[in-house]
Amino acid sequence: MELYLGIGFFIAVIINFILYDMLLSIQHSDHNDEWVKSGKPCGMFFTPEGQSYFGGYFARMAKILAWSLVTEKWMKEDPKSLRLSRLMRVLAMIQWGLWFLFIAVIYGRK
């Protein structure tokens, strides 16, 4: 059981990273002024030209958390971004649900 929960959690995390990168790519290309205001975050796999992976680390962490909770104005104006942000939120709930279930199963055996 733990193996399946762990694998499910890992898959959800990777897919969420990909969704975040897709949103970030849209923000960078179509809403560049918002990207700059955000601190020029980089993605997990996507690093905009001229930005270092580590240079946007703190901005990335802030954006991952913020986008999990809030829909920014530019997302509301872009149907694809809105769909990706909603999917990212649903997947984040699934991801954390799997994590807590994994912990409950591990500690429930003791």
PDB file of N, CA and C in Angstrom:
ATOM      1  N   MET A   1       0.819  -1.201   0.000  1.00  0.00           N
ATOM      2  CA  MET A   1       0.000   0.000   0.000  1.00  0.00           C
ATOM      3  C   MET A   1       0.863   1.265   0.000  1.00  0.00           C
ATOM      4  N   GLU A   2       1.914   1.260   0.856  1.00  0.00           N
ATOM      5  CA  GLU A   2       2.768   2.443   0.935  1.00  0.00           C
ATOM      6  C   GLU A   2       3.431   2.733  -0.406  1.00  0.00           C
ATOM      7  N   LEU A   3       3.813   1.668  -1.093  1.00  0.00           N
ATOM      8  CA  LEU A   3       4.481   1.834  -2.384  1.00  0.00           C
ATOM      9  C   LEU A   3       3.570   2.560  -3.372  1.00  0.00           C
ATOM     10  N   TYR A   4       2.311   2.146  -3.441  1.00  0.00           N
ATOM     11  CA  TYR A   4       1.369   2.773  -4.371  1.00  0.00           C
ATOM     12  C   TYR A   4       1.108   4.235  -4.003  1.00  0.00           C
ATOM     13  N   LEU A   5       0.976   4.508  -2.711  1.00  0.00           N
ATOM     14  CA  LEU A   5       0.771   5.889  -2.272  1.00  0.00           C
ATOM     15  C   LEU A   5       1.994   6.746  -2.577  1.00  0.00           C
ATOM     16  N   GLY A   6       3.179   6.196  -2.338  1.00  0.00           N
ATOM     17  CA  GLY A   6       4.417   6.920  -2.619  1.00  0.00           C
ATOM     18  C   GLY A   6       4.589   7.204  -4.098  1.00  0.00           C
ATOM     19  N   ILE A   7       4.298   6.208  -4.919  1.00  0.00           N
ATOM     20  CA  ILE A   7       4.402   6.390  -6.373  1.00  0.00           C
ATOM     21  C   ILE A   7       3.370   7.414  -6.849  1.00  0.00           C
ATOM     22  N   GLY A   8       2.145   7.323  -6.335  1.00  0.00           N
ATOM     23  CA  GLY A   8       1.100   8.289  -6.697  1.00  0.00           C
ATOM     24  C   GLY A   8       1.491   9.709  -6.323  1.00  0.00           C
ATOM     25  N   PHE A   9       2.056   9.865  -5.126  1.00  0.00           N
ATOM     26  CA  PHE A   9       2.509  11.180  -4.673  1.00  0.00           C
ATOM     27  C   PHE A   9       3.602  11.713  -5.597  1.00  0.00           C
ATOM     28  N   PHE A  10       4.579  10.866  -5.912  1.00  0.00           N
ATOM     29  CA  PHE A  10       5.691  11.273  -6.775  1.00  0.00           C
ATOM     30  C   PHE A  10       5.182  11.698  -8.153  1.00  0.00           C
ATOM     31  N   ILE A  11       4.274  10.939  -8.721  1.00  0.00           N
ATOM     32  CA  ILE A  11       3.714  11.272 -10.038  1.00  0.00           C
ATOM     33  C   ILE A  11       2.957  12.601  -9.972  1.00  0.00           C
ATOM     34  N   ALA A  12       2.167  12.798  -8.907  1.00  0.00           N
ATOM     35  CA  ALA A  12       1.422  14.053  -8.755  1.00  0.00           C
ATOM     36  C   ALA A  12       2.370  15.246  -8.646  1.00  0.00           C
ATOM     37  N   VAL A  13       3.472  15.082  -7.922  1.00  0.00           N
ATOM     38  CA  VAL A  13       4.454  16.165  -7.777  1.00  0.00           C
ATOM     39  C   VAL A  13       5.063  16.518  -9.134  1.00  0.00           C
ATOM     40  N   ILE A  14       5.478  15.513  -9.884  1.00  0.00           N
ATOM     41  CA  ILE A  14       6.098  15.757 -11.202  1.00  0.00           C
ATOM     42  C   ILE A  14       5.108  16.453 -12.139  1.00  0.00           C
ATOM     43  N   ILE A  15       3.868  15.976 -12.174  1.00  0.00           N
ATOM     44  CA  ILE A  15       2.866  16.603 -13.042  1.00  0.00           C
ATOM     45  C   ILE A  15       2.609  18.043 -12.602  1.00  0.00           C
ATOM     46  N   ASN A  16       2.578  18.277 -11.293  1.00  0.00           N
ATOM     47  CA  ASN A  16       2.385  19.644 -10.800  1.00  0.00           C
ATOM     48  C   ASN A  16       3.549  20.550 -11.190  1.00  0.00           C
ATOM     49  N   PHE A  17       4.761  20.033 -11.160  1.00  0.00           N
ATOM     50  CA  PHE A  17       5.920  20.805 -11.622  1.00  0.00           C
ATOM     51  C   PHE A  17       5.762  21.173 -13.092  1.00  0.00           C
ATOM     52  N   ILE A  18       5.304  20.232 -13.894  1.00  0.00           N
ATOM     53  CA  ILE A  18       5.110  20.482 -15.327  1.00  0.00           C
ATOM     54  C   ILE A  18       4.029  21.546 -15.538  1.00  0.00           C
ATOM     55  N   LEU A  19       2.919  21.440 -14.800  1.00  0.00           N
ATOM     56  CA  LEU A  19       1.849  22.442 -14.911  1.00  0.00           C
ATOM     57  C   LEU A  19       2.346  23.824 -14.499  1.00  0.00           C
ATOM     58  N   TYR A  20       3.120  23.873 -13.416  1.00  0.00           N
ATOM     59  CA  TYR A  20       3.693  25.149 -12.969  1.00  0.00           C
ATOM     60  C   TYR A  20       4.580  25.743 -14.064  1.00  0.00           C
ATOM     61  N   ASP A  21       5.414  24.910 -14.668  1.00  0.00           N
ATOM     62  CA  ASP A  21       6.293  25.388 -15.738  1.00  0.00           C
ATOM     63  C   ASP A  21       5.498  25.893 -16.940  1.00  0.00           C
ATOM     64  N   MET A  22       4.397  25.211 -17.259  1.00  0.00           N
ATOM     65  CA  MET A  22       3.559  25.661 -18.369  1.00  0.00           C
ATOM     66  C   MET A  22       2.954  27.034 -18.065  1.00  0.00           C
ATOM     67  N   LEU A  23       2.459  27.210 -16.840  1.00  0.00           N
ATOM     68  CA  LEU A  23       1.919  28.515 -16.437  1.00  0.00           C
ATOM     69  C   LEU A  23       2.994  29.592 -16.462  1.00  0.00           C
ATOM     70  N   LEU A  24       4.154  29.255 -15.952  1.00  0.00           N
ATOM     71  CA  LEU A  24       5.259  30.213 -15.920  1.00  0.00           C
ATOM     72  C   LEU A  24       5.688  30.605 -17.333  1.00  0.00           C
ATOM     73  N   SER A  25       5.705  29.648 -18.230  1.00  0.00           N
ATOM     74  CA  SER A  25       6.066  29.922 -19.621  1.00  0.00           C
ATOM     75  C   SER A  25       5.061  30.890 -20.258  1.00  0.00           C
ATOM     76  N   ILE A  26       3.777  30.686 -19.967  1.00  0.00           N
ATOM     77  CA  ILE A  26       2.743  31.594 -20.478  1.00  0.00           C
ATOM     78  C   ILE A  26       2.926  32.983 -19.875  1.00  0.00           C
ATOM     79  N   GLN A  27       3.176  33.036 -18.571  1.00  0.00           N
ATOM     80  CA  GLN A  27       3.379  34.332 -17.921  1.00  0.00           C
ATOM     81  C   GLN A  27       4.591  35.042 -18.519  1.00  0.00           C
ATOM     82  N   HIS A  28       5.666  34.310 -18.724  1.00  0.00           N
ATOM     83  CA  HIS A  28       6.898  34.904 -19.265  1.00  0.00           C
ATOM     84  C   HIS A  28       6.697  35.418 -20.688  1.00  0.00           C
ATOM     85  N   SER A  29       6.018  34.636 -21.523  1.00  0.00           N
ATOM     86  CA  SER A  29       5.895  35.021 -22.931  1.00  0.00           C
ATOM     87  C   SER A  29       4.752  36.003 -23.196  1.00  0.00           C
ATOM     88  N   ASP A  30       3.610  35.827 -22.521  1.00  0.00           N
ATOM     89  CA  ASP A  30       2.434  36.638 -22.832  1.00  0.00           C
ATOM     90  C   ASP A  30       2.158  37.760 -21.826  1.00  0.00           C
ATOM     91  N   HIS A  31       2.712  37.646 -20.636  1.00  0.00           N
ATOM     92  CA  HIS A  31       2.469  38.632 -19.573  1.00  0.00           C
ATOM     93  C   HIS A  31       3.801  38.949 -18.897  1.00  0.00           C
ATOM     94  N   ASN A  32       4.762  39.356 -19.707  1.00  0.00           N
ATOM     95  CA  ASN A  32       6.133  39.531 -19.217  1.00  0.00           C
ATOM     96  C   ASN A  32       6.244  40.556 -18.097  1.00  0.00           C
ATOM     97  N   ASP A  33       5.441  41.607 -18.150  1.00  0.00           N
ATOM     98  CA  ASP A  33       5.495  42.611 -17.080  1.00  0.00           C
ATOM     99  C   ASP A  33       5.107  41.995 -15.731  1.00  0.00           C
ATOM    100  N   GLU A  34       4.141  41.074 -15.739  1.00  0.00           N
ATOM    101  CA  GLU A  34       3.749  40.377 -14.507  1.00  0.00           C
ATOM    102  C   GLU A  34       4.866  39.444 -14.033  1.00  0.00           C
ATOM    103  N   TRP A  35       5.546  38.826 -14.991  1.00  0.00           N
ATOM    104  CA  TRP A  35       6.666  37.939 -14.648  1.00  0.00           C
ATOM    105  C   TRP A  35       7.777  38.730 -13.958  1.00  0.00           C
ATOM    106  N   VAL A  36       8.076  39.914 -14.484  1.00  0.00           N
ATOM    107  CA  VAL A  36       9.112  40.767 -13.885  1.00  0.00           C
ATOM    108  C   VAL A  36       8.682  41.205 -12.484  1.00  0.00           C
ATOM    109  N   LYS A  37       7.398  41.616 -12.324  1.00  0.00           N
ATOM    110  CA  LYS A  37       6.889  42.017 -11.008  1.00  0.00           C
ATOM    111  C   LYS A  37       6.963  40.870 -10.001  1.00  0.00           C
ATOM    112  N   SER A  38       6.861  39.645 -10.507  1.00  0.00           N
ATOM    113  CA  SER A  38       6.899  38.459  -9.636  1.00  0.00           C
ATOM    114  C   SER A  38       8.300  38.124  -9.149  1.00  0.00           C
ATOM    115  N   GLY A  39       9.287  38.853  -9.625  1.00  0.00           N
ATOM    116  CA  GLY A  39      10.662  38.575  -9.215  1.00  0.00           C
ATOM    117  C   GLY A  39      11.414  37.701 -10.199  1.00  0.00           C
ATOM    118  N   LYS A  40      10.884  37.569 -11.414  1.00  0.00           N
ATOM    119  CA  LYS A  40      11.491  36.767 -12.476  1.00  0.00           C
ATOM    120  C   LYS A  40      11.728  35.317 -12.045  1.00  0.00           C
ATOM    121  N   PRO A  41      10.654  34.635 -11.634  1.00  0.00           N
ATOM    122  CA  PRO A  41      10.837  33.248 -11.194  1.00  0.00           C
ATOM    123  C   PRO A  41      11.219  32.333 -12.350  1.00  0.00           C
ATOM    124  N   CYS A  42      11.940  31.292 -12.017  1.00  0.00           N
ATOM    125  CA  CYS A  42      12.227  30.249 -12.997  1.00  0.00           C
ATOM    126  C   CYS A  42      11.378  29.040 -12.626  1.00  0.00           C
ATOM    127  N   GLY A  43      11.284  28.117 -13.549  1.00  0.00           N
ATOM    128  CA  GLY A  43      10.483  26.933 -13.300  1.00  0.00           C
ATOM    129  C   GLY A  43      11.315  25.801 -12.736  1.00  0.00           C
ATOM    130  N   MET A  44      10.673  24.675 -12.586  1.00  0.00           N
ATOM    131  CA  MET A  44      11.384  23.487 -12.126  1.00  0.00           C
ATOM    132  C   MET A  44      12.235  22.926 -13.268  1.00  0.00           C
ATOM    133  N   PHE A  45      11.693  22.982 -14.475  1.00  0.00           N
ATOM    134  CA  PHE A  45      12.407  22.494 -15.658  1.00  0.00           C
ATOM    135  C   PHE A  45      12.621  23.613 -16.678  1.00  0.00           C
ATOM    136  N   PHE A  46      11.800  24.659 -16.619  1.00  0.00           N
ATOM    137  CA  PHE A  46      11.843  25.786 -17.557  1.00  0.00           C
ATOM    138  C   PHE A  46      12.607  26.943 -16.921  1.00  0.00           C
ATOM    139  N   THR A  47      13.665  27.363 -17.588  1.00  0.00           N
ATOM    140  CA  THR A  47      14.418  28.530 -17.131  1.00  0.00           C
ATOM    141  C   THR A  47      14.432  29.549 -18.268  1.00  0.00           C
ATOM    142  N   PRO A  48      13.762  30.694 -18.079  1.00  0.00           N
ATOM    143  CA  PRO A  48      13.728  31.705 -19.137  1.00  0.00           C
ATOM    144  C   PRO A  48      15.134  32.173 -19.514  1.00  0.00           C
ATOM    145  N   GLU A  49      15.291  32.532 -20.764  1.00  0.00           N
ATOM    146  CA  GLU A  49      16.585  33.010 -21.249  1.00  0.00           C
ATOM    147  C   GLU A  49      17.026  34.226 -20.436  1.00  0.00           C
ATOM    148  N   GLY A  50      18.274  34.221 -20.030  1.00  0.00           N
ATOM    149  CA  GLY A  50      18.816  35.321 -19.253  1.00  0.00           C
ATOM    150  C   GLY A  50      18.597  35.187 -17.756  1.00  0.00           C
ATOM    151  N   GLN A  51      17.924  34.145 -17.338  1.00  0.00           N
ATOM    152  CA  GLN A  51      17.665  33.920 -15.912  1.00  0.00           C
ATOM    153  C   GLN A  51      18.375  32.639 -15.478  1.00  0.00           C
ATOM    154  N   SER A  52      19.012  32.685 -14.333  1.00  0.00           N
ATOM    155  CA  SER A  52      19.668  31.470 -13.840  1.00  0.00           C
ATOM    156  C   SER A  52      18.667  30.653 -13.032  1.00  0.00           C
ATOM    157  N   TYR A  53      18.887  29.364 -12.985  1.00  0.00           N
ATOM    158  CA  TYR A  53      17.999  28.463 -12.246  1.00  0.00           C
ATOM    159  C   TYR A  53      17.920  28.879 -10.783  1.00  0.00           C
ATOM    160  N   PHE A  54      19.059  29.176 -10.190  1.00  0.00           N
ATOM    161  CA  PHE A  54      19.092  29.524  -8.773  1.00  0.00           C
ATOM    162  C   PHE A  54      18.718  30.986  -8.526  1.00  0.00           C
ATOM    163  N   GLY A  55      18.855  31.817  -9.549  1.00  0.00           N
ATOM    164  CA  GLY A  55      18.511  33.229  -9.403  1.00  0.00           C
ATOM    165  C   GLY A  55      17.035  33.454  -9.135  1.00  0.00           C
ATOM    166  N   GLY A  56      16.192  32.599  -9.664  1.00  0.00           N
ATOM    167  CA  GLY A  56      14.751  32.728  -9.460  1.00  0.00           C
ATOM    168  C   GLY A  56      14.199  31.768  -8.432  1.00  0.00           C
ATOM    169  N   TYR A  57      15.077  31.202  -7.596  1.00  0.00           N
ATOM    170  CA  TYR A  57      14.662  30.166  -6.640  1.00  0.00           C
ATOM    171  C   TYR A  57      13.590  30.660  -5.669  1.00  0.00           C
ATOM    172  N   PHE A  58      13.852  31.775  -4.976  1.00  0.00           N
ATOM    173  CA  PHE A  58      12.901  32.260  -3.974  1.00  0.00           C
ATOM    174  C   PHE A  58      11.602  32.727  -4.618  1.00  0.00           C
ATOM    175  N   ALA A  59      11.715  33.359  -5.772  1.00  0.00           N
ATOM    176  CA  ALA A  59      10.512  33.781  -6.496  1.00  0.00           C
ATOM    177  C   ALA A  59       9.710  32.557  -6.932  1.00  0.00           C
ATOM    178  N   ARG A  60      10.398  31.492  -7.327  1.00  0.00           N
ATOM    179  CA  ARG A  60       9.718  30.255  -7.729  1.00  0.00           C
ATOM    180  C   ARG A  60       8.933  29.673  -6.558  1.00  0.00           C
ATOM    181  N   MET A  61       9.564  29.573  -5.405  1.00  0.00           N
ATOM    182  CA  MET A  61       8.888  29.008  -4.237  1.00  0.00           C
ATOM    183  C   MET A  61       7.659  29.838  -3.859  1.00  0.00           C
ATOM    184  N   ALA A  62       7.791  31.159  -3.934  1.00  0.00           N
ATOM    185  CA  ALA A  62       6.662  32.041  -3.615  1.00  0.00           C
ATOM    186  C   ALA A  62       5.529  31.852  -4.619  1.00  0.00           C
ATOM    187  N   LYS A  63       5.867  31.720  -5.904  1.00  0.00           N
ATOM    188  CA  LYS A  63       4.847  31.568  -6.941  1.00  0.00           C
ATOM    189  C   LYS A  63       4.147  30.217  -6.855  1.00  0.00           C
ATOM    190  N   ILE A  64       4.888  29.166  -6.568  1.00  0.00           N
ATOM    191  CA  ILE A  64       4.256  27.849  -6.446  1.00  0.00           C
ATOM    192  C   ILE A  64       3.194  27.895  -5.351  1.00  0.00           C
ATOM    193  N   LEU A  65       3.536  28.482  -4.222  1.00  0.00           N
ATOM    194  CA  LEU A  65       2.576  28.587  -3.121  1.00  0.00           C
ATOM    195  C   LEU A  65       1.421  29.514  -3.492  1.00  0.00           C
ATOM    196  N   ALA A  66       1.735  30.675  -4.040  1.00  0.00           N
ATOM    197  CA  ALA A  66       0.694  31.656  -4.378  1.00  0.00           C
ATOM    198  C   ALA A  66      -0.281  31.095  -5.408  1.00  0.00           C
ATOM    199  N   TRP A  67       0.225  30.476  -6.458  1.00  0.00           N
ATOM    200  CA  TRP A  67      -0.644  29.958  -7.506  1.00  0.00           C
ATOM    201  C   TRP A  67      -1.457  28.756  -7.045  1.00  0.00           C
ATOM    202  N   SER A  68      -1.033  28.115  -5.990  1.00  0.00           N
ATOM    203  CA  SER A  68      -1.833  27.022  -5.428  1.00  0.00           C
ATOM    204  C   SER A  68      -3.051  27.563  -4.690  1.00  0.00           C
ATOM    205  N   LEU A  69      -3.013  28.840  -4.326  1.00  0.00           N
ATOM    206  CA  LEU A  69      -4.082  29.423  -3.511  1.00  0.00           C
ATOM    207  C   LEU A  69      -4.862  30.536  -4.199  1.00  0.00           C
ATOM    208  N   VAL A  70      -4.217  31.275  -5.114  1.00  0.00           N
ATOM    209  CA  VAL A  70      -4.816  32.490  -5.678  1.00  0.00           C
ATOM    210  C   VAL A  70      -4.746  32.463  -7.203  1.00  0.00           C
ATOM    211  N   THR A  71      -5.826  32.931  -7.831  1.00  0.00           N
ATOM    212  CA  THR A  71      -5.830  33.102  -9.283  1.00  0.00           C
ATOM    213  C   THR A  71      -5.503  34.557  -9.576  1.00  0.00           C
ATOM    214  N   GLU A  72      -4.382  34.783 -10.234  1.00  0.00           N
ATOM    215  CA  GLU A  72      -3.981  36.151 -10.550  1.00  0.00           C
ATOM    216  C   GLU A  72      -4.813  36.691 -11.712  1.00  0.00           C
ATOM    217  N   LYS A  73      -4.855  38.014 -11.814  1.00  0.00           N
ATOM    218  CA  LYS A  73      -5.692  38.680 -12.820  1.00  0.00           C
ATOM    219  C   LYS A  73      -5.372  38.204 -14.236  1.00  0.00           C
ATOM    220  N   TRP A  74      -4.087  38.101 -14.568  1.00  0.00           N
ATOM    221  CA  TRP A  74      -3.714  37.706 -15.923  1.00  0.00           C
ATOM    222  C   TRP A  74      -4.182  36.283 -16.234  1.00  0.00           C
ATOM    223  N   MET A  75      -4.272  35.431 -15.221  1.00  0.00           N
ATOM    224  CA  MET A  75      -4.763  34.063 -15.436  1.00  0.00           C
ATOM    225  C   MET A  75      -6.250  34.072 -15.780  1.00  0.00           C
ATOM    226  N   LYS A  76      -6.997  34.945 -15.105  1.00  0.00           N
ATOM    227  CA  LYS A  76      -8.440  35.035 -15.339  1.00  0.00           C
ATOM    228  C   LYS A  76      -8.744  35.497 -16.756  1.00  0.00           C
ATOM    229  N   GLU A  77      -7.834  36.258 -17.342  1.00  0.00           N
ATOM    230  CA  GLU A  77      -8.032  36.795 -18.690  1.00  0.00           C
ATOM    231  C   GLU A  77      -7.589  35.826 -19.778  1.00  0.00           C
ATOM    232  N   ASP A  78      -6.952  34.738 -19.403  1.00  0.00           N
ATOM    233  CA  ASP A  78      -6.422  33.766 -20.359  1.00  0.00           C
ATOM    234  C   ASP A  78      -7.026  32.395 -20.049  1.00  0.00           C
ATOM    235  N   PRO A  79      -7.946  31.899 -20.900  1.00  0.00           N
ATOM    236  CA  PRO A  79      -8.626  30.632 -20.613  1.00  0.00           C
ATOM    237  C   PRO A  79      -7.676  29.444 -20.388  1.00  0.00           C
ATOM    238  N   LYS A  80      -6.600  29.383 -21.156  1.00  0.00           N
ATOM    239  CA  LYS A  80      -5.656  28.274 -20.986  1.00  0.00           C
ATOM    240  C   LYS A  80      -4.968  28.357 -19.617  1.00  0.00           C
ATOM    241  N   SER A  81      -4.563  29.549 -19.224  1.00  0.00           N
ATOM    242  CA  SER A  81      -3.916  29.736 -17.922  1.00  0.00           C
ATOM    243  C   SER A  81      -4.877  29.422 -16.783  1.00  0.00           C
ATOM    244  N   LEU A  82      -6.108  29.835 -16.933  1.00  0.00           N
ATOM    245  CA  LEU A  82      -7.111  29.572 -15.906  1.00  0.00           C
ATOM    246  C   LEU A  82      -7.327  28.067 -15.747  1.00  0.00           C
ATOM    247  N   ARG A  83      -7.416  27.366 -16.859  1.00  0.00           N
ATOM    248  CA  ARG A  83      -7.586  25.908 -16.828  1.00  0.00           C
ATOM    249  C   ARG A  83      -6.378  25.230 -16.185  1.00  0.00           C
ATOM    250  N   LEU A  84      -5.177  25.670 -16.543  1.00  0.00           N
ATOM    251  CA  LEU A  84      -3.963  25.091 -15.958  1.00  0.00           C
ATOM    252  C   LEU A  84      -3.874  25.357 -14.458  1.00  0.00           C
ATOM    253  N   SER A  85      -4.249  26.567 -14.038  1.00  0.00           N
ATOM    254  CA  SER A  85      -4.169  26.890 -12.604  1.00  0.00           C
ATOM    255  C   SER A  85      -5.170  26.065 -11.804  1.00  0.00           C
ATOM    256  N   ARG A  86      -6.355  25.858 -12.344  1.00  0.00           N
ATOM    257  CA  ARG A  86      -7.347  25.021 -11.653  1.00  0.00           C
ATOM    258  C   ARG A  86      -6.880  23.570 -11.571  1.00  0.00           C
ATOM    259  N   LEU A  87      -6.325  23.090 -12.657  1.00  0.00           N
ATOM    260  CA  LEU A  87      -5.803  21.720 -12.664  1.00  0.00           C
ATOM    261  C   LEU A  87      -4.653  21.577 -11.671  1.00  0.00           C
ATOM    262  N   MET A  88      -3.815  22.595 -11.595  1.00  0.00           N
ATOM    263  CA  MET A  88      -2.700  22.578 -10.650  1.00  0.00           C
ATOM    264  C   MET A  88      -3.213  22.513  -9.209  1.00  0.00           C
ATOM    265  N   ARG A  89      -4.275  23.245  -8.914  1.00  0.00           N
ATOM    266  CA  ARG A  89      -4.852  23.227  -7.558  1.00  0.00           C
ATOM    267  C   ARG A  89      -5.451  21.866  -7.217  1.00  0.00           C
ATOM    268  N   VAL A  90      -6.193  21.304  -8.151  1.00  0.00           N
ATOM    269  CA  VAL A  90      -6.793  19.988  -7.912  1.00  0.00           C
ATOM    270  C   VAL A  90      -5.701  18.957  -7.680  1.00  0.00           C
ATOM    271  N   LEU A  91      -4.683  19.001  -8.509  1.00  0.00           N
ATOM    272  CA  LEU A  91      -3.583  18.050  -8.366  1.00  0.00           C
ATOM    273  C   LEU A  91      -2.824  18.266  -7.057  1.00  0.00           C
ATOM    274  N   ALA A  92      -2.700  19.507  -6.623  1.00  0.00           N
ATOM    275  CA  ALA A  92      -2.042  19.783  -5.338  1.00  0.00           C
ATOM    276  C   ALA A  92      -2.840  19.173  -4.191  1.00  0.00           C
ATOM    277  N   MET A  93      -4.171  19.258  -4.260  1.00  0.00           N
ATOM    278  CA  MET A  93      -5.001  18.636  -3.219  1.00  0.00           C
ATOM    279  C   MET A  93      -4.827  17.120  -3.222  1.00  0.00           C
ATOM    280  N   ILE A  94      -4.805  16.534  -4.416  1.00  0.00           N
ATOM    281  CA  ILE A  94      -4.589  15.087  -4.522  1.00  0.00           C
ATOM    282  C   ILE A  94      -3.209  14.731  -3.989  1.00  0.00           C
ATOM    283  N   GLN A  95      -2.223  15.502  -4.381  1.00  0.00           N
ATOM    284  CA  GLN A  95      -0.835  15.266  -3.955  1.00  0.00           C
ATOM    285  C   GLN A  95      -0.729  15.258  -2.435  1.00  0.00           C
ATOM    286  N   TRP A  96      -1.268  16.283  -1.779  1.00  0.00           N
ATOM    287  CA  TRP A  96      -1.166  16.358  -0.319  1.00  0.00           C
ATOM    288  C   TRP A  96      -2.052  15.333   0.361  1.00  0.00           C
ATOM    289  N   GLY A  97      -3.173  14.993  -0.255  1.00  0.00           N
ATOM    290  CA  GLY A  97      -4.003  13.913   0.280  1.00  0.00           C
ATOM    291  C   GLY A  97      -3.253  12.593   0.283  1.00  0.00           C
ATOM    292  N   LEU A  98      -2.559  12.309  -0.809  1.00  0.00           N
ATOM    293  CA  LEU A  98      -1.746  11.087  -0.884  1.00  0.00           C
ATOM    294  C   LEU A  98      -0.630  11.106   0.147  1.00  0.00           C
ATOM    295  N   TRP A  99      -0.014  12.266   0.354  1.00  0.00           N
ATOM    296  CA  TRP A  99       1.065  12.382   1.337  1.00  0.00           C
ATOM    297  C   TRP A  99       0.554  12.076   2.745  1.00  0.00           C
ATOM    298  N   PHE A 100      -0.572  12.696   3.124  1.00  0.00           N
ATOM    299  CA  PHE A 100      -1.112  12.469   4.467  1.00  0.00           C
ATOM    300  C   PHE A 100      -1.588  11.031   4.642  1.00  0.00           C
ATOM    301  N   LEU A 101      -2.150  10.449   3.601  1.00  0.00           N
ATOM    302  CA  LEU A 101      -2.550   9.045   3.654  1.00  0.00           C
ATOM    303  C   LEU A 101      -1.332   8.146   3.814  1.00  0.00           C
ATOM    304  N   PHE A 102      -0.271   8.460   3.096  1.00  0.00           N
ATOM    305  CA  PHE A 102       0.987   7.710   3.205  1.00  0.00           C
ATOM    306  C   PHE A 102       1.507   7.751   4.642  1.00  0.00           C
ATOM    307  N   ILE A 103       1.534   8.938   5.234  1.00  0.00           N
ATOM    308  CA  ILE A 103       2.001   9.093   6.619  1.00  0.00           C
ATOM    309  C   ILE A 103       1.087   8.327   7.578  1.00  0.00           C
ATOM    310  N   ALA A 104      -0.223   8.414   7.365  1.00  0.00           N
ATOM    311  CA  ALA A 104      -1.172   7.709   8.233  1.00  0.00           C
ATOM    312  C   ALA A 104      -0.970   6.198   8.163  1.00  0.00           C
ATOM    313  N   VAL A 105      -0.723   5.684   6.973  1.00  0.00           N
ATOM    314  CA  VAL A 105      -0.498   4.239   6.816  1.00  0.00           C
ATOM    315  C   VAL A 105       0.800   3.832   7.498  1.00  0.00           C
ATOM    316  N   ILE A 106       1.850   4.608   7.314  1.00  0.00           N
ATOM    317  CA  ILE A 106       3.149   4.293   7.926  1.00  0.00           C
ATOM    318  C   ILE A 106       3.037   4.285   9.451  1.00  0.00           C
ATOM    319  N   TYR A 107       2.464   5.348  10.014  1.00  0.00           N
ATOM    320  CA  TYR A 107       2.386   5.451  11.472  1.00  0.00           C
ATOM    321  C   TYR A 107       1.271   4.594  12.059  1.00  0.00           C
ATOM    322  N   GLY A 108       0.299   4.227  11.241  1.00  0.00           N
ATOM    323  CA  GLY A 108      -0.783   3.364  11.713  1.00  0.00           C
ATOM    324  C   GLY A 108      -0.342   1.932  11.946  1.00  0.00           C
ATOM    325  N   ARG A 109       0.767   1.554  11.380  1.00  0.00           N
ATOM    326  CA  ARG A 109       1.280   0.186  11.529  1.00  0.00           C
ATOM    327  C   ARG A 109       2.053  -0.011  12.817  1.00  0.00           C
ATOM    328  N   LYS A 110       2.407   1.067  13.485  1.00  0.00           N
ATOM    329  CA  LYS A 110       3.227   0.943  14.698  1.00  0.00           C
ATOM    330  C   LYS A 110       2.389   0.655  15.907  1.00  0.00           C
TER     331      LYS A 110
END
